[in-house]
Amino acid sequence: MKKTLFIFFQFAIFIVIFAAGSFMSPFHLQWQLSNSTTPDLTVRTVRYFVPDGLILMLVFYLFLILMQLLTRRFLKAAPWTTLALLLAAACGYAMKLGFITHDLF
């Protein structure tokens, strides 16, 4: 039961960090993914990915791993922290956090 709560709380923290970084965009990074064009070759929509939330989530993950290493709980807690990170990343991508579509007219 304790491990389940541990995973859930870390998952919730990772999702909140991913969402906050995606919406606030503190590093102002944007990766252009695709353009949607019409038959007369004018660009109508541009799709971007903002990796700021993902970067912040990974930095927080490395901070947690470092703290677990320093407190000698690495072998017990690191697999559960990694599982929470992977679940949060998968749910964040499923919720399309960080993806932006701009319509150009």
PDB file of N, CA and C in Angstrom:
ATOM      1  N   MET A   1       0.816  -1.191   0.000  1.00  0.00           N
ATOM      2  CA  MET A   1       0.000   0.000   0.000  1.00  0.00           C
ATOM      3  C   MET A   1       0.863   1.261   0.000  1.00  0.00           C
ATOM      4  N   LYS A   2       1.961   1.213   0.769  1.00  0.00           N
ATOM      5  CA  LYS A   2       2.840   2.359   0.874  1.00  0.00           C
ATOM      6  C   LYS A   2       3.513   2.655  -0.474  1.00  0.00           C
ATOM      7  N   LYS A   3       3.914   1.613  -1.193  1.00  0.00           N
ATOM      8  CA  LYS A   3       4.551   1.797  -2.494  1.00  0.00           C
ATOM      9  C   LYS A   3       3.567   2.375  -3.513  1.00  0.00           C
ATOM     10  N   THR A   4       2.319   1.959  -3.434  1.00  0.00           N
ATOM     11  CA  THR A   4       1.303   2.482  -4.345  1.00  0.00           C
ATOM     12  C   THR A   4       1.093   3.973  -4.124  1.00  0.00           C
ATOM     13  N   LEU A   5       1.015   4.401  -2.882  1.00  0.00           N
ATOM     14  CA  LEU A   5       0.881   5.830  -2.580  1.00  0.00           C
ATOM     15  C   LEU A   5       2.134   6.595  -3.005  1.00  0.00           C
ATOM     16  N   PHE A   6       3.291   5.998  -2.803  1.00  0.00           N
ATOM     17  CA  PHE A   6       4.561   6.599  -3.213  1.00  0.00           C
ATOM     18  C   PHE A   6       4.560   6.860  -4.714  1.00  0.00           C
ATOM     19  N   ILE A   7       4.148   5.868  -5.495  1.00  0.00           N
ATOM     20  CA  ILE A   7       4.091   6.009  -6.954  1.00  0.00           C
ATOM     21  C   ILE A   7       3.036   7.043  -7.344  1.00  0.00           C
ATOM     22  N   PHE A   8       1.872   7.010  -6.729  1.00  0.00           N
ATOM     23  CA  PHE A   8       0.799   7.941  -7.077  1.00  0.00           C
ATOM     24  C   PHE A   8       1.193   9.386  -6.812  1.00  0.00           C
ATOM     25  N   PHE A   9       1.786   9.671  -5.651  1.00  0.00           N
ATOM     26  CA  PHE A   9       2.152  11.042  -5.330  1.00  0.00           C
ATOM     27  C   PHE A   9       3.267  11.559  -6.241  1.00  0.00           C
ATOM     28  N   GLN A  10       4.232  10.706  -6.529  1.00  0.00           N
ATOM     29  CA  GLN A  10       5.282  11.131  -7.451  1.00  0.00           C
ATOM     30  C   GLN A  10       4.721  11.326  -8.860  1.00  0.00           C
ATOM     31  N   PHE A  11       3.823  10.455  -9.274  1.00  0.00           N
ATOM     32  CA  PHE A  11       3.166  10.600 -10.570  1.00  0.00           C
ATOM     33  C   PHE A  11       2.428  11.929 -10.645  1.00  0.00           C
ATOM     34  N   ALA A  12       1.691  12.273  -9.591  1.00  0.00           N
ATOM     35  CA  ALA A  12       0.938  13.537  -9.557  1.00  0.00           C
ATOM     36  C   ALA A  12       1.881  14.734  -9.619  1.00  0.00           C
ATOM     37  N   ILE A  13       2.993  14.675  -8.905  1.00  0.00           N
ATOM     38  CA  ILE A  13       3.957  15.771  -8.936  1.00  0.00           C
ATOM     39  C   ILE A  13       4.563  15.912 -10.328  1.00  0.00           C
ATOM     40  N   PHE A  14       4.915  14.783 -10.956  1.00  0.00           N
ATOM     41  CA  PHE A  14       5.489  14.828 -12.303  1.00  0.00           C
ATOM     42  C   PHE A  14       4.498  15.401 -13.316  1.00  0.00           C
ATOM     43  N   ILE A  15       3.232  15.015 -13.227  1.00  0.00           N
ATOM     44  CA  ILE A  15       2.224  15.539 -14.156  1.00  0.00           C
ATOM     45  C   ILE A  15       2.040  17.042 -13.962  1.00  0.00           C
ATOM     46  N   VAL A  16       2.013  17.502 -12.718  1.00  0.00           N
ATOM     47  CA  VAL A  16       1.850  18.935 -12.445  1.00  0.00           C
ATOM     48  C   VAL A  16       3.052  19.713 -12.994  1.00  0.00           C
ATOM     49  N   ILE A  17       4.249  19.191 -12.811  1.00  0.00           N
ATOM     50  CA  ILE A  17       5.444  19.865 -13.333  1.00  0.00           C
ATOM     51  C   ILE A  17       5.430  19.873 -14.854  1.00  0.00           C
ATOM     52  N   PHE A  18       5.034  18.761 -15.467  1.00  0.00           N
ATOM     53  CA  PHE A  18       4.959  18.674 -16.928  1.00  0.00           C
ATOM     54  C   PHE A  18       3.944  19.688 -17.464  1.00  0.00           C
ATOM     55  N   ALA A  19       2.780  19.766 -16.842  1.00  0.00           N
ATOM     56  CA  ALA A  19       1.743  20.700 -17.294  1.00  0.00           C
ATOM     57  C   ALA A  19       2.165  22.148 -17.067  1.00  0.00           C
ATOM     58  N   ALA A  20       2.710  22.452 -15.908  1.00  0.00           N
ATOM     59  CA  ALA A  20       3.122  23.826 -15.622  1.00  0.00           C
ATOM     60  C   ALA A  20       4.216  24.282 -16.575  1.00  0.00           C
ATOM     61  N   GLY A  21       5.184  23.432 -16.825  1.00  0.00           N
ATOM     62  CA  GLY A  21       6.250  23.790 -17.756  1.00  0.00           C
ATOM     63  C   GLY A  21       5.755  23.932 -19.179  1.00  0.00           C
ATOM     64  N   SER A  22       4.761  23.136 -19.553  1.00  0.00           N
ATOM     65  CA  SER A  22       4.221  23.222 -20.907  1.00  0.00           C
ATOM     66  C   SER A  22       3.414  24.498 -21.110  1.00  0.00           C
ATOM     67  N   PHE A  23       2.676  24.921 -20.094  1.00  0.00           N
ATOM     68  CA  PHE A  23       1.843  26.111 -20.234  1.00  0.00           C
ATOM     69  C   PHE A  23       2.628  27.405 -20.007  1.00  0.00           C
ATOM     70  N   MET A  24       3.560  27.410 -19.075  1.00  0.00           N
ATOM     71  CA  MET A  24       4.300  28.627 -18.784  1.00  0.00           C
ATOM     72  C   MET A  24       5.486  28.824 -19.728  1.00  0.00           C
ATOM     73  N   SER A  25       6.059  27.759 -20.229  1.00  0.00           N
ATOM     74  CA  SER A  25       7.178  27.794 -21.167  1.00  0.00           C
ATOM     75  C   SER A  25       8.326  28.671 -20.666  1.00  0.00           C
ATOM     76  N   PRO A  26       8.979  28.294 -19.572  1.00  0.00           N
ATOM     77  CA  PRO A  26      10.026  29.152 -19.008  1.00  0.00           C
ATOM     78  C   PRO A  26      11.287  29.250 -19.868  1.00  0.00           C
ATOM     79  N   PHE A  27      11.588  28.257 -20.683  1.00  0.00           N
ATOM     80  CA  PHE A  27      12.804  28.286 -21.502  1.00  0.00           C
ATOM     81  C   PHE A  27      12.549  28.811 -22.915  1.00  0.00           C
ATOM     82  N   HIS A  28      11.301  28.987 -23.276  1.00  0.00           N
ATOM     83  CA  HIS A  28      10.894  29.508 -24.586  1.00  0.00           C
ATOM     84  C   HIS A  28      11.432  28.668 -25.738  1.00  0.00           C
ATOM     85  N   LEU A  29      11.369  27.361 -25.590  1.00  0.00           N
ATOM     86  CA  LEU A  29      11.781  26.458 -26.660  1.00  0.00           C
ATOM     87  C   LEU A  29      10.551  26.007 -27.431  1.00  0.00           C
ATOM     88  N   GLN A  30      10.683  25.889 -28.747  1.00  0.00           N
ATOM     89  CA  GLN A  30       9.611  25.362 -29.586  1.00  0.00           C
ATOM     90  C   GLN A  30      10.235  24.548 -30.699  1.00  0.00           C
ATOM     91  N   TRP A  31       9.736  23.345 -30.891  1.00  0.00           N
ATOM     92  CA  TRP A  31      10.194  22.502 -31.986  1.00  0.00           C
ATOM     93  C   TRP A  31       9.052  22.385 -32.975  1.00  0.00           C
ATOM     94  N   GLN A  32       9.292  22.806 -34.206  1.00  0.00           N
ATOM     95  CA  GLN A  32       8.248  22.731 -35.226  1.00  0.00           C
ATOM     96  C   GLN A  32       8.131  21.293 -35.694  1.00  0.00           C
ATOM     97  N   LEU A  33       6.901  20.773 -35.666  1.00  0.00           N
ATOM     98  CA  LEU A  33       6.677  19.383 -36.048  1.00  0.00           C
ATOM     99  C   LEU A  33       6.205  19.255 -37.485  1.00  0.00           C
ATOM    100  N   SER A  34       5.206  20.051 -37.876  1.00  0.00           N
ATOM    101  CA  SER A  34       4.689  19.904 -39.237  1.00  0.00           C
ATOM    102  C   SER A  34       3.951  21.162 -39.675  1.00  0.00           C
ATOM    103  N   ASN A  35       3.789  21.260 -40.992  1.00  0.00           N
ATOM    104  CA  ASN A  35       2.977  22.298 -41.612  1.00  0.00           C
ATOM    105  C   ASN A  35       1.836  21.617 -42.346  1.00  0.00           C
ATOM    106  N   SER A  36       0.679  22.216 -42.324  1.00  0.00           N
ATOM    107  CA  SER A  36      -0.450  21.726 -43.098  1.00  0.00           C
ATOM    108  C   SER A  36      -0.699  22.716 -44.228  1.00  0.00           C
ATOM    109  N   THR A  37      -0.602  22.242 -45.449  1.00  0.00           N
ATOM    110  CA  THR A  37      -0.745  23.147 -46.587  1.00  0.00           C
ATOM    111  C   THR A  37      -2.022  22.841 -47.358  1.00  0.00           C
ATOM    112  N   THR A  38      -2.457  23.820 -48.133  1.00  0.00           N
ATOM    113  CA  THR A  38      -3.624  23.674 -49.002  1.00  0.00           C
ATOM    114  C   THR A  38      -3.131  23.369 -50.418  1.00  0.00           C
ATOM    115  N   PRO A  39      -4.025  23.058 -51.361  1.00  0.00           N
ATOM    116  CA  PRO A  39      -3.580  22.755 -52.734  1.00  0.00           C
ATOM    117  C   PRO A  39      -2.831  23.902 -53.423  1.00  0.00           C
ATOM    118  N   ASP A  40      -3.088  25.136 -53.027  1.00  0.00           N
ATOM    119  CA  ASP A  40      -2.338  26.235 -53.638  1.00  0.00           C
ATOM    120  C   ASP A  40      -1.030  26.530 -52.884  1.00  0.00           C
ATOM    121  N   LEU A  41      -0.599  25.593 -52.027  1.00  0.00           N
ATOM    122  CA  LEU A  41       0.675  25.601 -51.306  1.00  0.00           C
ATOM    123  C   LEU A  41       0.824  26.748 -50.314  1.00  0.00           C
ATOM    124  N   THR A  42      -0.265  27.191 -49.730  1.00  0.00           N
ATOM    125  CA  THR A  42      -0.187  28.151 -48.639  1.00  0.00           C
ATOM    126  C   THR A  42      -0.297  27.394 -47.322  1.00  0.00           C
ATOM    127  N   VAL A  43       0.490  27.797 -46.365  1.00  0.00           N
ATOM    128  CA  VAL A  43       0.504  27.123 -45.069  1.00  0.00           C
ATOM    129  C   VAL A  43      -0.693  27.594 -44.258  1.00  0.00           C
ATOM    130  N   ARG A  44      -1.508  26.662 -43.785  1.00  0.00           N
ATOM    131  CA  ARG A  44      -2.699  27.006 -43.001  1.00  0.00           C
ATOM    132  C   ARG A  44      -2.502  26.772 -41.504  1.00  0.00           C
ATOM    133  N   THR A  45      -1.809  25.700 -41.132  1.00  0.00           N
ATOM    134  CA  THR A  45      -1.580  25.411 -39.718  1.00  0.00           C
ATOM    135  C   THR A  45      -0.128  25.005 -39.504  1.00  0.00           C
ATOM    136  N   VAL A  46       0.389  25.372 -38.353  1.00  0.00           N
ATOM    137  CA  VAL A  46       1.735  24.992 -37.950  1.00  0.00           C
ATOM    138  C   VAL A  46       1.624  24.328 -36.589  1.00  0.00           C
ATOM    139  N   ARG A  47       2.276  23.192 -36.438  1.00  0.00           N
ATOM    140  CA  ARG A  47       2.220  22.429 -35.187  1.00  0.00           C
ATOM    141  C   ARG A  47       3.595  22.462 -34.517  1.00  0.00           C
ATOM    142  N   TYR A  48       3.598  22.804 -33.209  1.00  0.00           N
ATOM    143  CA  TYR A  48       4.815  22.906 -32.427  1.00  0.00           C
ATOM    144  C   TYR A  48       4.748  21.969 -31.224  1.00  0.00           C
ATOM    145  N   PHE A  49       5.940  21.632 -30.717  1.00  0.00           N
ATOM    146  CA  PHE A  49       6.034  20.957 -29.423  1.00  0.00           C
ATOM    147  C   PHE A  49       6.894  21.833 -28.529  1.00  0.00           C
ATOM    148  N   VAL A  50       6.404  22.111 -27.315  1.00  0.00           N
ATOM    149  CA  VAL A  50       7.133  22.905 -26.324  1.00  0.00           C
ATOM    150  C   VAL A  50       7.708  21.922 -25.302  1.00  0.00           C
ATOM    151  N   PRO A  51       9.037  21.686 -25.335  1.00  0.00           N
ATOM    152  CA  PRO A  51       9.633  20.655 -24.476  1.00  0.00           C
ATOM    153  C   PRO A  51       9.948  21.117 -23.058  1.00  0.00           C
ATOM    154  N   ASP A  52       9.554  22.332 -22.685  1.00  0.00           N
ATOM    155  CA  ASP A  52       9.925  22.877 -21.380  1.00  0.00           C
ATOM    156  C   ASP A  52       9.409  22.034 -20.215  1.00  0.00           C
ATOM    157  N   GLY A  53       8.170  21.589 -20.292  1.00  0.00           N
ATOM    158  CA  GLY A  53       7.612  20.765 -19.220  1.00  0.00           C
ATOM    159  C   GLY A  53       8.327  19.431 -19.104  1.00  0.00           C
ATOM    160  N   LEU A  54       8.672  18.848 -20.224  1.00  0.00           N
ATOM    161  CA  LEU A  54       9.402  17.580 -20.221  1.00  0.00           C
ATOM    162  C   LEU A  54      10.794  17.754 -19.624  1.00  0.00           C
ATOM    163  N   ILE A  55      11.458  18.854 -19.966  1.00  0.00           N
ATOM    164  CA  ILE A  55      12.792  19.128 -19.427  1.00  0.00           C
ATOM    165  C   ILE A  55      12.727  19.349 -17.917  1.00  0.00           C
ATOM    166  N   LEU A  56      11.756  20.137 -17.463  1.00  0.00           N
ATOM    167  CA  LEU A  56      11.607  20.366 -16.017  1.00  0.00           C
ATOM    168  C   LEU A  56      11.301  19.072 -15.273  1.00  0.00           C
ATOM    169  N   MET A  57      10.481  18.218 -15.878  1.00  0.00           N
ATOM    170  CA  MET A  57      10.147  16.940 -15.254  1.00  0.00           C
ATOM    171  C   MET A  57      11.395  16.060 -15.133  1.00  0.00           C
ATOM    172  N   LEU A  58      12.234  16.043 -16.154  1.00  0.00           N
ATOM    173  CA  LEU A  58      13.460  15.247 -16.106  1.00  0.00           C
ATOM    174  C   LEU A  58      14.469  15.806 -15.100  1.00  0.00           C
ATOM    175  N   VAL A  59      14.540  17.132 -14.988  1.00  0.00           N
ATOM    176  CA  VAL A  59      15.434  17.736 -13.995  1.00  0.00           C
ATOM    177  C   VAL A  59      14.966  17.387 -12.586  1.00  0.00           C
ATOM    178  N   PHE A  60      13.663  17.440 -12.346  1.00  0.00           N
ATOM    179  CA  PHE A  60      13.135  17.061 -11.033  1.00  0.00           C
ATOM    180  C   PHE A  60      13.370  15.576 -10.752  1.00  0.00           C
ATOM    181  N   TYR A  61      13.247  14.738 -11.784  1.00  0.00           N
ATOM    182  CA  TYR A  61      13.534  13.304 -11.641  1.00  0.00           C
ATOM    183  C   TYR A  61      14.995  13.089 -11.223  1.00  0.00           C
ATOM    184  N   LEU A  62      15.915  13.779 -11.886  1.00  0.00           N
ATOM    185  CA  LEU A  62      17.333  13.641 -11.529  1.00  0.00           C
ATOM    186  C   LEU A  62      17.593  14.138 -10.107  1.00  0.00           C
ATOM    187  N   PHE A  63      16.895  15.194  -9.694  1.00  0.00           N
ATOM    188  CA  PHE A  63      17.014  15.677  -8.319  1.00  0.00           C
ATOM    189  C   PHE A  63      16.539  14.609  -7.326  1.00  0.00           C
ATOM    190  N   LEU A  64      15.392  13.979  -7.619  1.00  0.00           N
ATOM    191  CA  LEU A  64      14.890  12.923  -6.722  1.00  0.00           C
ATOM    192  C   LEU A  64      15.840  11.731  -6.667  1.00  0.00           C
ATOM    193  N   ILE A  65      16.381  11.347  -7.807  1.00  0.00           N
ATOM    194  CA  ILE A  65      17.325  10.228  -7.842  1.00  0.00           C
ATOM    195  C   ILE A  65      18.583  10.569  -7.040  1.00  0.00           C
ATOM    196  N   LEU A  66      19.064  11.791  -7.153  1.00  0.00           N
ATOM    197  CA  LEU A  66      20.232  12.217  -6.385  1.00  0.00           C
ATOM    198  C   LEU A  66      19.942  12.176  -4.887  1.00  0.00           C
ATOM    199  N   MET A  67      18.761  12.637  -4.484  1.00  0.00           N
ATOM    200  CA  MET A  67      18.394  12.597  -3.062  1.00  0.00           C
ATOM    201  C   MET A  67      18.284  11.149  -2.563  1.00  0.00           C
ATOM    202  N   GLN A  68      17.757  10.275  -3.389  1.00  0.00           N
ATOM    203  CA  GLN A  68      17.662   8.867  -3.001  1.00  0.00           C
ATOM    204  C   GLN A  68      19.049   8.237  -2.900  1.00  0.00           C
ATOM    205  N   LEU A  69      19.940   8.656  -3.750  1.00  0.00           N
ATOM    206  CA  LEU A  69      21.307   8.147  -3.710  1.00  0.00           C
ATOM    207  C   LEU A  69      22.023   8.623  -2.449  1.00  0.00           C
ATOM    208  N   LEU A  70      21.825   9.891  -2.091  1.00  0.00           N
ATOM    209  CA  LEU A  70      22.476  10.430  -0.903  1.00  0.00           C
ATOM    210  C   LEU A  70      21.905   9.869   0.390  1.00  0.00           C
ATOM    211  N   THR A  71      20.623   9.526   0.403  1.00  0.00           N
ATOM    212  CA  THR A  71      20.022   8.966   1.619  1.00  0.00           C
ATOM    213  C   THR A  71      20.080   7.437   1.640  1.00  0.00           C
ATOM    214  N   ARG A  72      20.775   6.867   0.675  1.00  0.00           N
ATOM    215  CA  ARG A  72      20.984   5.414   0.583  1.00  0.00           C
ATOM    216  C   ARG A  72      19.681   4.631   0.445  1.00  0.00           C
ATOM    217  N   ARG A  73      18.723   5.187  -0.268  1.00  0.00           N
ATOM    218  CA  ARG A  73      17.470   4.494  -0.567  1.00  0.00           C
ATOM    219  C   ARG A  73      17.338   4.248  -2.068  1.00  0.00           C
ATOM    220  N   PHE A  74      18.459   4.304  -2.751  1.00  0.00           N
ATOM    221  CA  PHE A  74      18.444   4.237  -4.202  1.00  0.00           C
ATOM    222  C   PHE A  74      17.874   2.917  -4.713  1.00  0.00           C
ATOM    223  N   LEU A  75      18.329   1.805  -4.187  1.00  0.00           N
ATOM    224  CA  LEU A  75      17.880   0.502  -4.690  1.00  0.00           C
ATOM    225  C   LEU A  75      16.419   0.228  -4.378  1.00  0.00           C
ATOM    226  N   LYS A  76      15.898   0.802  -3.286  1.00  0.00           N
ATOM    227  CA  LYS A  76      14.494   0.601  -2.934  1.00  0.00           C
ATOM    228  C   LYS A  76      13.572   1.540  -3.702  1.00  0.00           C
ATOM    229  N   ALA A  77      13.951   2.797  -3.826  1.00  0.00           N
ATOM    230  CA  ALA A  77      13.026   3.814  -4.322  1.00  0.00           C
ATOM    231  C   ALA A  77      13.200   4.168  -5.796  1.00  0.00           C
ATOM    232  N   ALA A  78      14.365   3.984  -6.343  1.00  0.00           N
ATOM    233  CA  ALA A  78      14.619   4.422  -7.724  1.00  0.00           C
ATOM    234  C   ALA A  78      13.726   3.730  -8.758  1.00  0.00           C
ATOM    235  N   PRO A  79      13.478   2.417  -8.666  1.00  0.00           N
ATOM    236  CA  PRO A  79      12.580   1.815  -9.657  1.00  0.00           C
ATOM    237  C   PRO A  79      11.160   2.379  -9.603  1.00  0.00           C
ATOM    238  N   TRP A  80      10.686   2.713  -8.401  1.00  0.00           N
ATOM    239  CA  TRP A  80       9.334   3.258  -8.280  1.00  0.00           C
ATOM    240  C   TRP A  80       9.268   4.692  -8.785  1.00  0.00           C
ATOM    241  N   THR A  81      10.327   5.449  -8.571  1.00  0.00           N
ATOM    242  CA  THR A  81      10.390   6.806  -9.094  1.00  0.00           C
ATOM    243  C   THR A  81      10.440   6.783 -10.618  1.00  0.00           C
ATOM    244  N   THR A  82      11.199   5.854 -11.171  1.00  0.00           N
ATOM    245  CA  THR A  82      11.286   5.712 -12.624  1.00  0.00           C
ATOM    246  C   THR A  82       9.939   5.303 -13.208  1.00  0.00           C
ATOM    247  N   LEU A  83       9.231   4.415 -12.540  1.00  0.00           N
ATOM    248  CA  LEU A  83       7.904   4.015 -12.994  1.00  0.00           C
ATOM    249  C   LEU A  83       6.942   5.204 -12.979  1.00  0.00           C
ATOM    250  N   ALA A  84       6.992   6.019 -11.925  1.00  0.00           N
ATOM    251  CA  ALA A  84       6.128   7.198 -11.847  1.00  0.00           C
ATOM    252  C   ALA A  84       6.468   8.194 -12.960  1.00  0.00           C
ATOM    253  N   LEU A  85       7.752   8.347 -13.265  1.00  0.00           N
ATOM    254  CA  LEU A  85       8.157   9.243 -14.351  1.00  0.00           C
ATOM    255  C   LEU A  85       7.637   8.747 -15.695  1.00  0.00           C
ATOM    256  N   LEU A  86       7.781   7.466 -15.964  1.00  0.00           N
ATOM    257  CA  LEU A  86       7.325   6.910 -17.233  1.00  0.00           C
ATOM    258  C   LEU A  86       5.806   6.996 -17.372  1.00  0.00           C
ATOM    259  N   LEU A  87       5.088   6.738 -16.291  1.00  0.00           N
ATOM    260  CA  LEU A  87       3.624   6.867 -16.327  1.00  0.00           C
ATOM    261  C   LEU A  87       3.201   8.320 -16.558  1.00  0.00           C
ATOM    262  N   ALA A  88       3.881   9.250 -15.912  1.00  0.00           N
ATOM    263  CA  ALA A  88       3.549  10.668 -16.085  1.00  0.00           C
ATOM    264  C   ALA A  88       3.870  11.133 -17.504  1.00  0.00           C
ATOM    265  N   ALA A  89       4.985  10.687 -18.059  1.00  0.00           N
ATOM    266  CA  ALA A  89       5.330  11.065 -19.430  1.00  0.00           C
ATOM    267  C   ALA A  89       4.309  10.500 -20.414  1.00  0.00           C
ATOM    268  N   ALA A  90       3.918   9.248 -20.227  1.00  0.00           N
ATOM    269  CA  ALA A  90       2.923   8.641 -21.116  1.00  0.00           C
ATOM    270  C   ALA A  90       1.573   9.349 -21.004  1.00  0.00           C
ATOM    271  N   CYS A  91       1.147   9.654 -19.789  1.00  0.00           N
ATOM    272  CA  CYS A  91      -0.129  10.362 -19.613  1.00  0.00           C
ATOM    273  C   CYS A  91      -0.044  11.794 -20.133  1.00  0.00           C
ATOM    274  N   GLY A  92       1.094  12.442 -19.960  1.00  0.00           N
ATOM    275  CA  GLY A  92       1.274  13.797 -20.478  1.00  0.00           C
ATOM    276  C   GLY A  92       1.197  13.840 -21.992  1.00  0.00           C
ATOM    277  N   TYR A  93       1.800  12.861 -22.657  1.00  0.00           N
ATOM    278  CA  TYR A  93       1.708  12.801 -24.114  1.00  0.00           C
ATOM    279  C   TYR A  93       0.298  12.428 -24.556  1.00  0.00           C
ATOM    280  N   ALA A  94      -0.378  11.580 -23.809  1.00  0.00           N
ATOM    281  CA  ALA A  94      -1.764  11.233 -24.142  1.00  0.00           C
ATOM    282  C   ALA A  94      -2.680  12.453 -23.993  1.00  0.00           C
ATOM    283  N   MET A  95      -2.392  13.316 -23.011  1.00  0.00           N
ATOM    284  CA  MET A  95      -3.168  14.543 -22.830  1.00  0.00           C
ATOM    285  C   MET A  95      -2.683  15.646 -23.764  1.00  0.00           C
ATOM    286  N   LYS A  96      -1.660  15.365 -24.553  1.00  0.00           N
ATOM    287  CA  LYS A  96      -1.066  16.300 -25.527  1.00  0.00           C
ATOM    288  C   LYS A  96      -0.532  17.556 -24.858  1.00  0.00           C
ATOM    289  N   LEU A  97       0.099  17.371 -23.698  1.00  0.00           N
ATOM    290  CA  LEU A  97       0.740  18.498 -23.033  1.00  0.00           C
ATOM    291  C   LEU A  97       1.967  18.896 -23.836  1.00  0.00           C
ATOM    292  N   GLY A  98       2.101  20.173 -24.101  1.00  0.00           N
ATOM    293  CA  GLY A  98       3.251  20.674 -24.831  1.00  0.00           C
ATOM    294  C   GLY A  98       3.026  20.829 -26.318  1.00  0.00           C
ATOM    295  N   PHE A  99       1.942  20.283 -26.852  1.00  0.00           N
ATOM    296  CA  PHE A  99       1.668  20.400 -28.281  1.00  0.00           C
ATOM    297  C   PHE A  99       0.813  21.637 -28.539  1.00  0.00           C
ATOM    298  N   ILE A 100       1.221  22.433 -29.535  1.00  0.00           N
ATOM    299  CA  ILE A 100       0.511  23.662 -29.879  1.00  0.00           C
ATOM    300  C   ILE A 100       0.248  23.648 -31.378  1.00  0.00           C
ATOM    301  N   THR A 101      -0.963  24.006 -31.772  1.00  0.00           N
ATOM    302  CA  THR A 101      -1.298  24.156 -33.187  1.00  0.00           C
ATOM    303  C   THR A 101      -1.748  25.585 -33.418  1.00  0.00           C
ATOM    304  N   HIS A 102      -1.078  26.268 -34.344  1.00  0.00           N
ATOM    305  CA  HIS A 102      -1.422  27.656 -34.711  1.00  0.00           C
ATOM    306  C   HIS A 102      -2.094  27.629 -36.077  1.00  0.00           C
ATOM    307  N   ASP A 103      -3.275  28.231 -36.159  1.00  0.00           N
ATOM    308  CA  ASP A 103      -3.950  28.382 -37.440  1.00  0.00           C
ATOM    309  C   ASP A 103      -3.534  29.701 -38.064  1.00  0.00           C
ATOM    310  N   LEU A 104      -3.064  29.638 -39.287  1.00  0.00           N
ATOM    311  CA  LEU A 104      -2.634  30.830 -40.015  1.00  0.00           C
ATOM    312  C   LEU A 104      -3.641  31.111 -41.132  1.00  0.00           C
ATOM    313  N   PHE A 105      -4.082  32.333 -41.219  1.00  0.00           N
ATOM    314  CA  PHE A 105      -5.028  32.690 -42.292  1.00  0.00           C
ATOM    315  C   PHE A 105      -4.514  33.884 -43.043  1.00  0.00           C
TER     316      PHE A 105
END
